[in-house]
Amino acid sequence: MNDTVNVGIVGATGYTALELMKLLLRHPHVDIARITSRDESRPHLSEVHSTLRDRLNLNFEPLDVGSFADGLDYAFCCLPHAASAAVVGQLLDSGLKVIDFSADYRLNDVASFEHWYKVEHPDAERVGKVAYGIPELFRSDIRSASLVANPGCFPSSAIIPLAPLFKNGLVKSSPLIVDSKTGISGAGRKANLKFHYPECNESITAYGVGTHRHMPEIDQILNRFCGCETEAVFTPHLTPMDRGILSTIYLQNADGRTDDELMDCLNEFYRDEPFVRVTSQIPATKDVTGTNFCDMTVKSCRGMTIIVSALDNMVKGASGAAVQNLNAMHGFDETLGLM
């Protein structure tokens, strides 16, 4: 397909929206037509994202769904949790297809969402009926969807390497430990003391220990592949770098499977996937910086299987995944804007 689609970005002042615009400006069949923010002064894009000066001549506008949707085909919703679901339904009713960056539609159970996110869900009727946005695993659902829940960055780093191994019964579902390191951009652009430079430079710290909201997301998706209940023990660590996620995953293989068998499974499953790279080398965040790749490998140690994966939290973990989802939804080559 060679037609051009017009897109709008709701809540376009943050890091993920900036990354999204950079990617879409490289897309041969996408025009960015509208961007919104809550700033009533309607600043020019370059006043908020100076790196886009002279690349896109748009002013931010307050969101009025009726006028926003006029002439658009797709909306990317980059609003916070709960705030996003409050407008997604209106965007869909206006005839737009929507890719939502928040967690509002990732979980299939309203009670689970409200337990982990501590807010009442504004659009409970749609929960459990939304395509989950990892095309490598759910492409057919995404192609026919009008709303796609973009996945969490940490869950992507665990789900992508684990899903094929669970599906083929090569690893056990328990114990499952996911230890992740991430850059500071994952916290977003809003000022926060613990992400202030003197607080996080030359330091590494764990956070959300035992309470991180991405745990139920990891469990929910992996349960679809292993046919049983998983209980991932997930701990993220903040590291003094701008971007990137490195996840080290510990679990047991089934029936004495070798590293070669597990690697063969990953290679076969992702053979035709342009954004998954199975490698014999240990991945590093620098290997994937600025790309939509997820790199992974498998090693064994003292009876445990260790999977190491790396991705860019701003691209494959957020905006790149969103562009890939747009491509899948519209029938474009999934690499457009991303290679």
C-alpha atoms as a PDB file:
ATOM      1  CA  MET A   1       0.000   0.000   0.000  1.00  0.00           C
ATOM      2  CA  ASN A   2       1.297   3.442  -0.933  1.00  0.00           C
ATOM      3  CA  ASP A   3      -1.426   5.733   0.411  1.00  0.00           C
ATOM      4  CA  THR A   4      -0.608   8.447   2.921  1.00  0.00           C
ATOM      5  CA  VAL A   5      -2.200   8.475   6.368  1.00  0.00           C
ATOM      6  CA  ASN A   6      -2.696  11.541   8.530  1.00  0.00           C
ATOM      7  CA  VAL A   7      -1.959  11.148  12.216  1.00  0.00           C
ATOM      8  CA  GLY A   8      -2.344  13.192  15.342  1.00  0.00           C
ATOM      9  CA  ILE A   9      -0.520  12.900  18.658  1.00  0.00           C
ATOM     10  CA  VAL A  10      -2.412  13.500  21.888  1.00  0.00           C
ATOM     11  CA  GLY A  11      -0.108  14.676  24.667  1.00  0.00           C
ATOM     12  CA  ALA A  12       2.914  15.404  22.511  1.00  0.00           C
ATOM     13  CA  THR A  13       5.250  17.155  24.957  1.00  0.00           C
ATOM     14  CA  GLY A  14       7.031  14.118  26.441  1.00  0.00           C
ATOM     15  CA  TYR A  15      10.036  12.024  25.472  1.00  0.00           C
ATOM     16  CA  THR A  16       8.064   9.219  23.843  1.00  0.00           C
ATOM     17  CA  ALA A  17       6.119  11.704  21.724  1.00  0.00           C
ATOM     18  CA  LEU A  18       9.368  13.349  20.632  1.00  0.00           C
ATOM     19  CA  GLU A  19      10.806   9.967  19.644  1.00  0.00           C
ATOM     20  CA  LEU A  20       7.561   9.134  17.858  1.00  0.00           C
ATOM     21  CA  MET A  21       7.708  12.319  15.795  1.00  0.00           C
ATOM     22  CA  LYS A  22      11.327  11.669  14.827  1.00  0.00           C
ATOM     23  CA  LEU A  23      10.363   8.220  13.544  1.00  0.00           C
ATOM     24  CA  LEU A  24       7.221   9.367  11.752  1.00  0.00           C
ATOM     25  CA  LEU A  25       9.126  12.131   9.960  1.00  0.00           C
ATOM     26  CA  ARG A  26      11.154   9.320   8.347  1.00  0.00           C
ATOM     27  CA  HIS A  27       8.022   7.420   7.310  1.00  0.00           C
ATOM     28  CA  PRO A  28       7.272   7.807   3.589  1.00  0.00           C
ATOM     29  CA  HIS A  29       3.500   7.419   3.988  1.00  0.00           C
ATOM     30  CA  VAL A  30       2.688   9.335   7.187  1.00  0.00           C
ATOM     31  CA  ASP A  31       1.926  13.014   7.704  1.00  0.00           C
ATOM     32  CA  ILE A  32       1.817  14.412  11.243  1.00  0.00           C
ATOM     33  CA  ALA A  33      -1.133  16.771  11.127  1.00  0.00           C
ATOM     34  CA  ARG A  34      -1.932  17.695  14.749  1.00  0.00           C
ATOM     35  CA  ILE A  35      -0.285  17.672  18.161  1.00  0.00           C
ATOM     36  CA  THR A  36      -1.901  18.512  21.470  1.00  0.00           C
ATOM     37  CA  SER A  37      -0.917  19.649  24.934  1.00  0.00           C
ATOM     38  CA  ARG A  38      -2.677  21.219  27.907  1.00  0.00           C
ATOM     39  CA  ASP A  39      -0.783  24.487  27.387  1.00  0.00           C
ATOM     40  CA  GLU A  40      -3.426  27.055  26.426  1.00  0.00           C
ATOM     41  CA  SER A  41      -0.767  29.333  24.918  1.00  0.00           C
ATOM     42  CA  ARG A  42      -0.441  26.965  21.913  1.00  0.00           C
ATOM     43  CA  PRO A  43       3.379  27.049  21.673  1.00  0.00           C
ATOM     44  CA  HIS A  44       5.134  26.106  18.475  1.00  0.00           C
ATOM     45  CA  LEU A  45       6.592  22.609  18.388  1.00  0.00           C
ATOM     46  CA  SER A  46      10.139  23.976  18.273  1.00  0.00           C
ATOM     47  CA  GLU A  47       9.606  25.784  21.596  1.00  0.00           C
ATOM     48  CA  VAL A  48       9.047  22.448  23.341  1.00  0.00           C
ATOM     49  CA  HIS A  49      11.152  20.087  21.208  1.00  0.00           C
ATOM     50  CA  SER A  50      13.995  22.178  19.836  1.00  0.00           C
ATOM     51  CA  THR A  51      15.522  19.206  17.971  1.00  0.00           C
ATOM     52  CA  LEU A  52      12.535  19.349  15.602  1.00  0.00           C
ATOM     53  CA  ARG A  53      13.092  22.991  14.643  1.00  0.00           C
ATOM     54  CA  ASP A  54      12.506  23.487  10.881  1.00  0.00           C
ATOM     55  CA  ARG A  55      11.396  19.870  10.526  1.00  0.00           C
ATOM     56  CA  LEU A  56       7.715  20.160  11.388  1.00  0.00           C
ATOM     57  CA  ASN A  57       5.717  23.392  11.374  1.00  0.00           C
ATOM     58  CA  LEU A  58       2.969  22.768  13.929  1.00  0.00           C
ATOM     59  CA  ASN A  59       1.642  24.453  17.029  1.00  0.00           C
ATOM     60  CA  PHE A  60       0.393  22.538  20.025  1.00  0.00           C
ATOM     61  CA  GLU A  61      -3.334  22.827  20.528  1.00  0.00           C
ATOM     62  CA  PRO A  62      -5.629  21.926  23.406  1.00  0.00           C
ATOM     63  CA  LEU A  63      -7.483  18.687  22.747  1.00  0.00           C
ATOM     64  CA  ASP A  64     -10.952  19.106  21.321  1.00  0.00           C
ATOM     65  CA  VAL A  65     -11.795  15.649  20.012  1.00  0.00           C
ATOM     66  CA  GLY A  66     -14.212  16.839  17.333  1.00  0.00           C
ATOM     67  CA  SER A  67     -11.828  19.255  15.641  1.00  0.00           C
ATOM     68  CA  PHE A  68      -8.789  17.086  16.385  1.00  0.00           C
ATOM     69  CA  ALA A  69     -10.207  14.071  14.558  1.00  0.00           C
ATOM     70  CA  ASP A  70     -11.163  16.009  11.434  1.00  0.00           C
ATOM     71  CA  GLY A  71      -9.103  14.725   8.512  1.00  0.00           C
ATOM     72  CA  LEU A  72      -7.092  12.259  10.600  1.00  0.00           C
ATOM     73  CA  ASP A  73      -6.815   8.504  10.180  1.00  0.00           C
ATOM     74  CA  TYR A  74      -4.906   7.544  13.336  1.00  0.00           C
ATOM     75  CA  ALA A  75      -4.240   8.974  16.770  1.00  0.00           C
ATOM     76  CA  PHE A  76      -1.305   8.163  19.026  1.00  0.00           C
ATOM     77  CA  CYS A  77      -2.347   8.748  22.628  1.00  0.00           C
ATOM     78  CA  CYS A  78       0.624   9.618  24.846  1.00  0.00           C
ATOM     79  CA  LEU A  79      -1.320  10.632  27.935  1.00  0.00           C
ATOM     80  CA  PRO A  80      -0.721   9.224  31.437  1.00  0.00           C
ATOM     81  CA  HIS A  81      -2.573   6.223  32.810  1.00  0.00           C
ATOM     82  CA  ALA A  82      -6.316   6.787  33.332  1.00  0.00           C
ATOM     83  CA  ALA A  83      -6.140  10.161  31.571  1.00  0.00           C
ATOM     84  CA  SER A  84      -5.617   8.243  28.338  1.00  0.00           C
ATOM     85  CA  ALA A  85      -8.654   5.971  28.627  1.00  0.00           C
ATOM     86  CA  ALA A  86     -10.791   9.013  29.382  1.00  0.00           C
ATOM     87  CA  VAL A  87     -10.291  10.237  25.783  1.00  0.00           C
ATOM     88  CA  VAL A  88      -9.547   7.058  23.808  1.00  0.00           C
ATOM     89  CA  GLY A  89     -13.236   6.157  23.571  1.00  0.00           C
ATOM     90  CA  GLN A  90     -14.026   9.589  22.153  1.00  0.00           C
ATOM     91  CA  LEU A  91     -11.254   9.250  19.585  1.00  0.00           C
ATOM     92  CA  LEU A  92     -12.584   5.850  18.504  1.00  0.00           C
ATOM     93  CA  ASP A  93     -16.130   7.195  18.296  1.00  0.00           C
ATOM     94  CA  SER A  94     -14.808   9.946  16.013  1.00  0.00           C
ATOM     95  CA  GLY A  95     -13.722   7.287  13.544  1.00  0.00           C
ATOM     96  CA  LEU A  96     -10.016   7.211  14.347  1.00  0.00           C
ATOM     97  CA  LYS A  97      -7.871   4.178  14.912  1.00  0.00           C
ATOM     98  CA  VAL A  98      -5.834   4.579  18.088  1.00  0.00           C
ATOM     99  CA  ILE A  99      -2.499   3.380  19.426  1.00  0.00           C
ATOM    100  CA  ASP A 100      -2.407   3.978  23.166  1.00  0.00           C
ATOM    101  CA  PHE A 101       0.897   4.376  24.993  1.00  0.00           C
ATOM    102  CA  SER A 102      -0.547   4.105  28.494  1.00  0.00           C
ATOM    103  CA  ALA A 103      -1.216   0.959  30.515  1.00  0.00           C
ATOM    104  CA  ASP A 104      -4.972   1.529  30.425  1.00  0.00           C
ATOM    105  CA  TYR A 105      -5.748  -1.320  28.025  1.00  0.00           C
ATOM    106  CA  ARG A 106      -2.818  -3.684  28.563  1.00  0.00           C
ATOM    107  CA  LEU A 107      -4.364  -5.699  31.383  1.00  0.00           C
ATOM    108  CA  ASN A 108      -7.400  -7.859  30.713  1.00  0.00           C
ATOM    109  CA  ASP A 109      -9.045  -7.410  34.093  1.00  0.00           C
ATOM    110  CA  VAL A 110     -10.462  -4.165  35.480  1.00  0.00           C
ATOM    111  CA  ALA A 111      -9.927  -5.207  39.098  1.00  0.00           C
ATOM    112  CA  SER A 112      -6.285  -5.996  38.400  1.00  0.00           C
ATOM    113  CA  PHE A 113      -5.772  -2.633  36.711  1.00  0.00           C
ATOM    114  CA  GLU A 114      -7.386  -0.757  39.587  1.00  0.00           C
ATOM    115  CA  HIS A 115      -5.357  -2.730  42.146  1.00  0.00           C
ATOM    116  CA  TRP A 116      -2.003  -2.015  40.498  1.00  0.00           C
ATOM    117  CA  TYR A 117      -2.650   1.524  39.233  1.00  0.00           C
ATOM    118  CA  LYS A 118      -4.744   2.754  42.183  1.00  0.00           C
ATOM    119  CA  VAL A 119      -7.328   4.530  40.005  1.00  0.00           C
ATOM    120  CA  GLU A 120     -10.800   3.716  38.737  1.00  0.00           C
ATOM    121  CA  HIS A 121     -10.740   2.728  35.072  1.00  0.00           C
ATOM    122  CA  PRO A 122     -12.519   5.346  32.917  1.00  0.00           C
ATOM    123  CA  ASP A 123     -13.346   2.913  30.061  1.00  0.00           C
ATOM    124  CA  ALA A 124     -13.908  -0.450  31.732  1.00  0.00           C
ATOM    125  CA  GLU A 125     -16.116  -1.790  28.913  1.00  0.00           C
ATOM    126  CA  ARG A 126     -13.159  -2.087  26.535  1.00  0.00           C
ATOM    127  CA  VAL A 127     -10.796  -3.769  28.986  1.00  0.00           C
ATOM    128  CA  GLY A 128      -9.939  -7.290  27.841  1.00  0.00           C
ATOM    129  CA  LYS A 129     -10.984  -6.616  24.248  1.00  0.00           C
ATOM    130  CA  VAL A 130      -7.912  -4.715  23.032  1.00  0.00           C
ATOM    131  CA  ALA A 131      -5.061  -6.040  20.904  1.00  0.00           C
ATOM    132  CA  TYR A 132      -1.712  -6.157  22.692  1.00  0.00           C
ATOM    133  CA  GLY A 133       0.918  -4.383  20.625  1.00  0.00           C
ATOM    134  CA  ILE A 134       3.798  -6.792  20.075  1.00  0.00           C
ATOM    135  CA  PRO A 135       3.443  -7.559  16.332  1.00  0.00           C
ATOM    136  CA  GLU A 136       5.900 -10.443  16.469  1.00  0.00           C
ATOM    137  CA  LEU A 137       3.430 -12.271  18.728  1.00  0.00           C
ATOM    138  CA  PHE A 138      -0.007 -10.788  18.005  1.00  0.00           C
ATOM    139  CA  ARG A 139       0.165  -9.577  14.411  1.00  0.00           C
ATOM    140  CA  SER A 140      -3.217 -10.954  13.310  1.00  0.00           C
ATOM    141  CA  ASP A 141      -4.980  -9.252  16.239  1.00  0.00           C
ATOM    142  CA  ILE A 142      -3.239  -5.954  15.518  1.00  0.00           C
ATOM    143  CA  ARG A 143      -4.043  -5.998  11.796  1.00  0.00           C
ATOM    144  CA  SER A 144      -7.777  -6.105  12.469  1.00  0.00           C
ATOM    145  CA  ALA A 145      -7.790  -3.769  15.485  1.00  0.00           C
ATOM    146  CA  SER A 146      -9.100  -0.229  15.832  1.00  0.00           C
ATOM    147  CA  LEU A 147      -7.347   0.146  19.203  1.00  0.00           C
ATOM    148  CA  VAL A 148      -3.929  -1.257  20.114  1.00  0.00           C
ATOM    149  CA  ALA A 149      -2.387  -1.195  23.573  1.00  0.00           C
ATOM    150  CA  ASN A 150       1.274  -0.375  23.127  1.00  0.00           C
ATOM    151  CA  PRO A 151       3.233  -2.685  25.466  1.00  0.00           C
ATOM    152  CA  GLY A 152       5.289  -1.667  28.470  1.00  0.00           C
ATOM    153  CA  CYS A 153       9.009  -1.340  27.833  1.00  0.00           C
ATOM    154  CA  PHE A 154      10.096  -3.751  30.586  1.00  0.00           C
ATOM    155  CA  PRO A 155       7.483  -6.372  29.658  1.00  0.00           C
ATOM    156  CA  SER A 156       8.643  -6.300  26.022  1.00  0.00           C
ATOM    157  CA  SER A 157      12.197  -7.110  27.106  1.00  0.00           C
ATOM    158  CA  ALA A 158      10.938 -10.220  28.938  1.00  0.00           C
ATOM    159  CA  ILE A 159       7.975 -11.353  26.854  1.00  0.00           C
ATOM    160  CA  ILE A 160       9.719 -11.324  23.466  1.00  0.00           C
ATOM    161  CA  PRO A 161      12.474 -13.800  24.449  1.00  0.00           C
ATOM    162  CA  LEU A 162      10.295 -15.918  26.750  1.00  0.00           C
ATOM    163  CA  ALA A 163       7.126 -16.416  24.696  1.00  0.00           C
ATOM    164  CA  PRO A 164       8.607 -18.871  22.131  1.00  0.00           C
ATOM    165  CA  LEU A 165      10.329 -20.893  24.856  1.00  0.00           C
ATOM    166  CA  PHE A 166       7.118 -21.198  26.887  1.00  0.00           C
ATOM    167  CA  LYS A 167       5.072 -21.990  23.791  1.00  0.00           C
ATOM    168  CA  ASN A 168       7.373 -24.903  22.943  1.00  0.00           C
ATOM    169  CA  GLY A 169       7.618 -26.160  26.515  1.00  0.00           C
ATOM    170  CA  LEU A 170      11.366 -25.646  26.722  1.00  0.00           C
ATOM    171  CA  VAL A 171      11.414 -23.771  30.040  1.00  0.00           C
ATOM    172  CA  LYS A 172       9.512 -23.998  33.308  1.00  0.00           C
ATOM    173  CA  SER A 173       7.109 -21.277  34.377  1.00  0.00           C
ATOM    174  CA  SER A 174       8.400 -21.159  37.958  1.00  0.00           C
ATOM    175  CA  PRO A 175      10.612 -19.760  39.308  1.00  0.00           C
ATOM    176  CA  LEU A 176      10.804 -16.770  36.962  1.00  0.00           C
ATOM    177  CA  ILE A 177      13.049 -13.849  37.883  1.00  0.00           C
ATOM    178  CA  VAL A 178      13.364 -10.766  35.676  1.00  0.00           C
ATOM    179  CA  ASP A 179      16.130  -8.352  36.688  1.00  0.00           C
ATOM    180  CA  SER A 180      16.170  -5.197  34.551  1.00  0.00           C
ATOM    181  CA  LYS A 181      18.348  -2.114  34.245  1.00  0.00           C
ATOM    182  CA  THR A 182      16.960   1.011  32.612  1.00  0.00           C
ATOM    183  CA  GLY A 183      17.964   4.522  31.643  1.00  0.00           C
ATOM    184  CA  ILE A 184      16.484   7.650  33.174  1.00  0.00           C
ATOM    185  CA  SER A 185      14.339   8.562  30.161  1.00  0.00           C
ATOM    186  CA  GLY A 186      11.983   5.767  31.175  1.00  0.00           C
ATOM    187  CA  ALA A 187      10.745   7.986  34.001  1.00  0.00           C
ATOM    188  CA  GLY A 188       9.470  10.575  31.540  1.00  0.00           C
ATOM    189  CA  ARG A 189      10.118  14.289  31.182  1.00  0.00           C
ATOM    190  CA  LYS A 190       8.279  15.558  34.234  1.00  0.00           C
ATOM    191  CA  ALA A 191      10.574  16.793  37.014  1.00  0.00           C
ATOM    192  CA  ASN A 192      11.093  14.373  39.892  1.00  0.00           C
ATOM    193  CA  LEU A 193      13.681  14.644  42.649  1.00  0.00           C
ATOM    194  CA  LYS A 194      14.971  11.086  42.437  1.00  0.00           C
ATOM    195  CA  PHE A 195      15.666  11.531  38.707  1.00  0.00           C
ATOM    196  CA  HIS A 196      17.474  14.837  39.271  1.00  0.00           C
ATOM    197  CA  TYR A 197      21.066  14.632  37.974  1.00  0.00           C
ATOM    198  CA  PRO A 198      22.861  14.791  41.358  1.00  0.00           C
ATOM    199  CA  GLU A 199      20.533  12.123  42.735  1.00  0.00           C
ATOM    200  CA  CYS A 200      21.011   9.487  40.042  1.00  0.00           C
ATOM    201  CA  ASN A 201      24.441  10.185  38.544  1.00  0.00           C
ATOM    202  CA  GLU A 202      27.172   7.791  39.696  1.00  0.00           C
ATOM    203  CA  SER A 203      24.528   5.638  41.359  1.00  0.00           C
ATOM    204  CA  ILE A 204      22.359   2.634  40.634  1.00  0.00           C
ATOM    205  CA  THR A 205      19.250   1.822  42.605  1.00  0.00           C
ATOM    206  CA  ALA A 206      16.420  -0.695  42.608  1.00  0.00           C
ATOM    207  CA  TYR A 207      12.878   0.621  42.709  1.00  0.00           C
ATOM    208  CA  GLY A 208       9.351  -0.767  42.743  1.00  0.00           C
ATOM    209  CA  VAL A 209      10.690  -3.872  44.488  1.00  0.00           C
ATOM    210  CA  GLY A 210       7.818  -6.321  44.723  1.00  0.00           C
ATOM    211  CA  THR A 211       5.319  -3.666  43.683  1.00  0.00           C
ATOM    212  CA  HIS A 212       6.122  -2.670  40.109  1.00  0.00           C
ATOM    213  CA  ARG A 213       3.088  -2.354  37.842  1.00  0.00           C
ATOM    214  CA  HIS A 214       4.689  -4.263  34.997  1.00  0.00           C
ATOM    215  CA  MET A 215       4.612  -7.571  36.884  1.00  0.00           C
ATOM    216  CA  PRO A 216       0.963  -8.384  36.116  1.00  0.00           C
ATOM    217  CA  GLU A 217       1.515  -7.407  32.470  1.00  0.00           C
ATOM    218  CA  ILE A 218       4.419  -9.842  32.152  1.00  0.00           C
ATOM    219  CA  ASP A 219       2.389 -12.596  33.812  1.00  0.00           C
ATOM    220  CA  GLN A 220      -0.742 -12.013  31.763  1.00  0.00           C
ATOM    221  CA  ILE A 221       0.964 -12.231  28.371  1.00  0.00           C
ATOM    222  CA  LEU A 222       3.251 -15.134  29.241  1.00  0.00           C
ATOM    223  CA  ASN A 223       0.279 -17.100  30.589  1.00  0.00           C
ATOM    224  CA  ARG A 224      -1.081 -17.128  27.042  1.00  0.00           C
ATOM    225  CA  PHE A 225       2.001 -19.007  25.876  1.00  0.00           C
ATOM    226  CA  CYS A 226       2.738 -21.423  28.689  1.00  0.00           C
ATOM    227  CA  GLY A 227      -0.839 -22.428  29.467  1.00  0.00           C
ATOM    228  CA  CYS A 228      -0.388 -21.995  33.202  1.00  0.00           C
ATOM    229  CA  GLU A 229      -0.078 -19.226  35.750  1.00  0.00           C
ATOM    230  CA  THR A 230       3.312 -17.552  35.904  1.00  0.00           C
ATOM    231  CA  GLU A 231       4.408 -15.335  38.770  1.00  0.00           C
ATOM    232  CA  ALA A 232       7.320 -13.255  37.587  1.00  0.00           C
ATOM    233  CA  VAL A 233       9.487 -11.685  40.264  1.00  0.00           C
ATOM    234  CA  PHE A 234      10.423  -8.452  38.527  1.00  0.00           C
ATOM    235  CA  THR A 235      12.859  -5.860  39.841  1.00  0.00           C
ATOM    236  CA  PRO A 236      13.897  -2.803  37.813  1.00  0.00           C
ATOM    237  CA  HIS A 237      17.035  -0.780  38.509  1.00  0.00           C
ATOM    238  CA  LEU A 238      17.646   2.844  37.559  1.00  0.00           C
ATOM    239  CA  THR A 239      21.053   3.351  35.965  1.00  0.00           C
ATOM    240  CA  PRO A 240      22.793   6.648  35.092  1.00  0.00           C
ATOM    241  CA  MET A 241      22.319   6.496  31.319  1.00  0.00           C
ATOM    242  CA  ASP A 242      19.806   8.257  29.082  1.00  0.00           C
ATOM    243  CA  ARG A 243      18.110   5.255  27.518  1.00  0.00           C
ATOM    244  CA  GLY A 244      18.087   1.508  27.140  1.00  0.00           C
ATOM    245  CA  ILE A 245      16.929  -1.621  28.961  1.00  0.00           C
ATOM    246  CA  LEU A 246      19.017  -4.673  29.753  1.00  0.00           C
ATOM    247  CA  SER A 247      17.035  -7.555  31.240  1.00  0.00           C
ATOM    248  CA  THR A 248      18.586 -10.655  32.758  1.00  0.00           C
ATOM    249  CA  ILE A 249      16.013 -13.413  33.165  1.00  0.00           C
ATOM    250  CA  TYR A 250      16.534 -16.479  35.357  1.00  0.00           C
ATOM    251  CA  LEU A 251      14.482 -19.670  35.099  1.00  0.00           C
ATOM    252  CA  GLN A 252      14.848 -23.437  34.713  1.00  0.00           C
ATOM    253  CA  ASN A 253      14.706 -25.305  31.445  1.00  0.00           C
ATOM    254  CA  ALA A 254      12.523 -28.353  30.976  1.00  0.00           C
ATOM    255  CA  ASP A 255      13.885 -31.892  30.716  1.00  0.00           C
ATOM    256  CA  GLY A 256      17.541 -30.945  30.494  1.00  0.00           C
ATOM    257  CA  ARG A 257      17.235 -28.842  27.358  1.00  0.00           C
ATOM    258  CA  THR A 258      20.508 -27.433  26.106  1.00  0.00           C
ATOM    259  CA  ASP A 259      21.362 -23.833  25.267  1.00  0.00           C
ATOM    260  CA  ASP A 260      21.545 -24.839  21.607  1.00  0.00           C
ATOM    261  CA  GLU A 261      17.977 -26.156  21.688  1.00  0.00           C
ATOM    262  CA  LEU A 262      16.715 -22.942  23.234  1.00  0.00           C
ATOM    263  CA  MET A 263      18.664 -20.800  20.789  1.00  0.00           C
ATOM    264  CA  ASP A 264      17.383 -22.893  17.877  1.00  0.00           C
ATOM    265  CA  CYS A 265      13.835 -22.299  19.088  1.00  0.00           C
ATOM    266  CA  LEU A 266      14.351 -18.525  19.233  1.00  0.00           C
ATOM    267  CA  ASN A 267      16.061 -18.461  15.855  1.00  0.00           C
ATOM    268  CA  GLU A 268      13.284 -20.429  14.210  1.00  0.00           C
ATOM    269  CA  PHE A 269      10.457 -18.467  15.844  1.00  0.00           C
ATOM    270  CA  TYR A 270      11.915 -15.073  14.911  1.00  0.00           C
ATOM    271  CA  ARG A 271      13.530 -16.101  11.617  1.00  0.00           C
ATOM    272  CA  ASP A 272      11.424 -13.700   9.542  1.00  0.00           C
ATOM    273  CA  GLU A 273      11.083 -10.938  12.117  1.00  0.00           C
ATOM    274  CA  PRO A 274      13.186  -7.911  11.140  1.00  0.00           C
ATOM    275  CA  PHE A 275      13.400  -6.440  14.643  1.00  0.00           C
ATOM    276  CA  VAL A 276      14.412  -9.444  16.740  1.00  0.00           C
ATOM    277  CA  ARG A 277      18.063 -10.490  16.706  1.00  0.00           C
ATOM    278  CA  VAL A 278      19.134 -13.730  18.355  1.00  0.00           C
ATOM    279  CA  THR A 279      22.859 -13.607  18.974  1.00  0.00           C
ATOM    280  CA  SER A 280      25.555 -15.765  20.549  1.00  0.00           C
ATOM    281  CA  GLN A 281      27.063 -12.608  22.056  1.00  0.00           C
ATOM    282  CA  ILE A 282      25.798 -11.032  25.269  1.00  0.00           C
ATOM    283  CA  PRO A 283      23.662  -8.043  24.212  1.00  0.00           C
ATOM    284  CA  ALA A 284      24.428  -4.542  25.435  1.00  0.00           C
ATOM    285  CA  THR A 285      22.223  -1.472  25.473  1.00  0.00           C
ATOM    286  CA  LYS A 286      24.596   0.322  23.085  1.00  0.00           C
ATOM    287  CA  ASP A 287      23.911  -2.399  20.510  1.00  0.00           C
ATOM    288  CA  VAL A 288      20.293  -1.278  20.222  1.00  0.00           C
ATOM    289  CA  THR A 289      20.385   2.448  21.040  1.00  0.00           C
ATOM    290  CA  GLY A 290      18.153   4.399  18.677  1.00  0.00           C
ATOM    291  CA  THR A 291      16.852   1.246  16.986  1.00  0.00           C
ATOM    292  CA  ASN A 292      13.725  -0.892  17.047  1.00  0.00           C
ATOM    293  CA  PHE A 293      15.734  -4.065  17.661  1.00  0.00           C
ATOM    294  CA  CYS A 294      15.401  -6.447  20.566  1.00  0.00           C
ATOM    295  CA  ASP A 295      18.600  -8.479  20.965  1.00  0.00           C
ATOM    296  CA  MET A 296      18.753 -11.667  23.020  1.00  0.00           C
ATOM    297  CA  THR A 297      20.823 -14.686  23.899  1.00  0.00           C
ATOM    298  CA  VAL A 298      20.671 -17.738  26.175  1.00  0.00           C
ATOM    299  CA  LYS A 299      23.300 -19.067  28.581  1.00  0.00           C
ATOM    300  CA  SER A 300      23.259 -21.731  31.300  1.00  0.00           C
ATOM    301  CA  CYS A 301      24.863 -21.685  34.719  1.00  0.00           C
ATOM    302  CA  ARG A 302      24.565 -24.225  37.563  1.00  0.00           C
ATOM    303  CA  GLY A 303      21.287 -25.657  36.420  1.00  0.00           C
ATOM    304  CA  MET A 304      19.671 -22.309  35.635  1.00  0.00           C
ATOM    305  CA  THR A 305      18.844 -20.901  32.220  1.00  0.00           C
ATOM    306  CA  ILE A 306      19.820 -17.247  31.853  1.00  0.00           C
ATOM    307  CA  ILE A 307      18.356 -15.093  29.101  1.00  0.00           C
ATOM    308  CA  VAL A 308      19.806 -11.655  28.429  1.00  0.00           C
ATOM    309  CA  SER A 309      17.860  -9.202  26.295  1.00  0.00           C
ATOM    310  CA  ALA A 310      18.420  -5.586  25.336  1.00  0.00           C
ATOM    311  CA  LEU A 311      16.232  -2.944  23.727  1.00  0.00           C
ATOM    312  CA  ASP A 312      15.904   0.825  23.551  1.00  0.00           C
ATOM    313  CA  ASN A 313      13.121   1.777  25.948  1.00  0.00           C
ATOM    314  CA  MET A 314      12.236   4.800  23.808  1.00  0.00           C
ATOM    315  CA  VAL A 315      12.013   2.871  20.519  1.00  0.00           C
ATOM    316  CA  LYS A 316      11.222  -0.854  20.718  1.00  0.00           C
ATOM    317  CA  GLY A 317       9.982  -0.199  24.247  1.00  0.00           C
ATOM    318  CA  ALA A 318       7.634   2.624  23.208  1.00  0.00           C
ATOM    319  CA  SER A 319       7.586   4.760  20.061  1.00  0.00           C
ATOM    320  CA  GLY A 320       9.163   2.293  17.655  1.00  0.00           C
ATOM    321  CA  ALA A 321       6.679  -0.349  18.722  1.00  0.00           C
ATOM    322  CA  ALA A 322       3.893   2.180  18.109  1.00  0.00           C
ATOM    323  CA  VAL A 323       5.100   2.882  14.563  1.00  0.00           C
ATOM    324  CA  GLN A 324       5.441  -0.851  13.923  1.00  0.00           C
ATOM    325  CA  ASN A 325       1.866  -1.273  15.161  1.00  0.00           C
ATOM    326  CA  LEU A 326       0.653   1.490  12.851  1.00  0.00           C
ATOM    327  CA  ASN A 327       2.363  -0.241   9.938  1.00  0.00           C
ATOM    328  CA  ALA A 328       0.719  -3.554  10.823  1.00  0.00           C
ATOM    329  CA  MET A 329      -2.720  -1.957  11.292  1.00  0.00           C
ATOM    330  CA  HIS A 330      -2.599  -0.193   7.940  1.00  0.00           C
ATOM    331  CA  GLY A 331      -0.943  -2.936   5.903  1.00  0.00           C
ATOM    332  CA  PHE A 332       2.354  -1.124   5.422  1.00  0.00           C
ATOM    333  CA  ASP A 333       5.706  -2.878   5.480  1.00  0.00           C
ATOM    334  CA  GLU A 334       6.450  -3.005   9.217  1.00  0.00           C
ATOM    335  CA  THR A 335       9.972  -1.655   8.744  1.00  0.00           C
ATOM    336  CA  LEU A 336       8.832   1.689   7.306  1.00  0.00           C
ATOM    337  CA  GLY A 337      10.169   4.570   9.378  1.00  0.00           C
ATOM    338  CA  LEU A 338      12.168   2.169  11.527  1.00  0.00           C
ATOM    339  CA  MET A 339      15.181   0.981   9.518  1.00  0.00           C
END
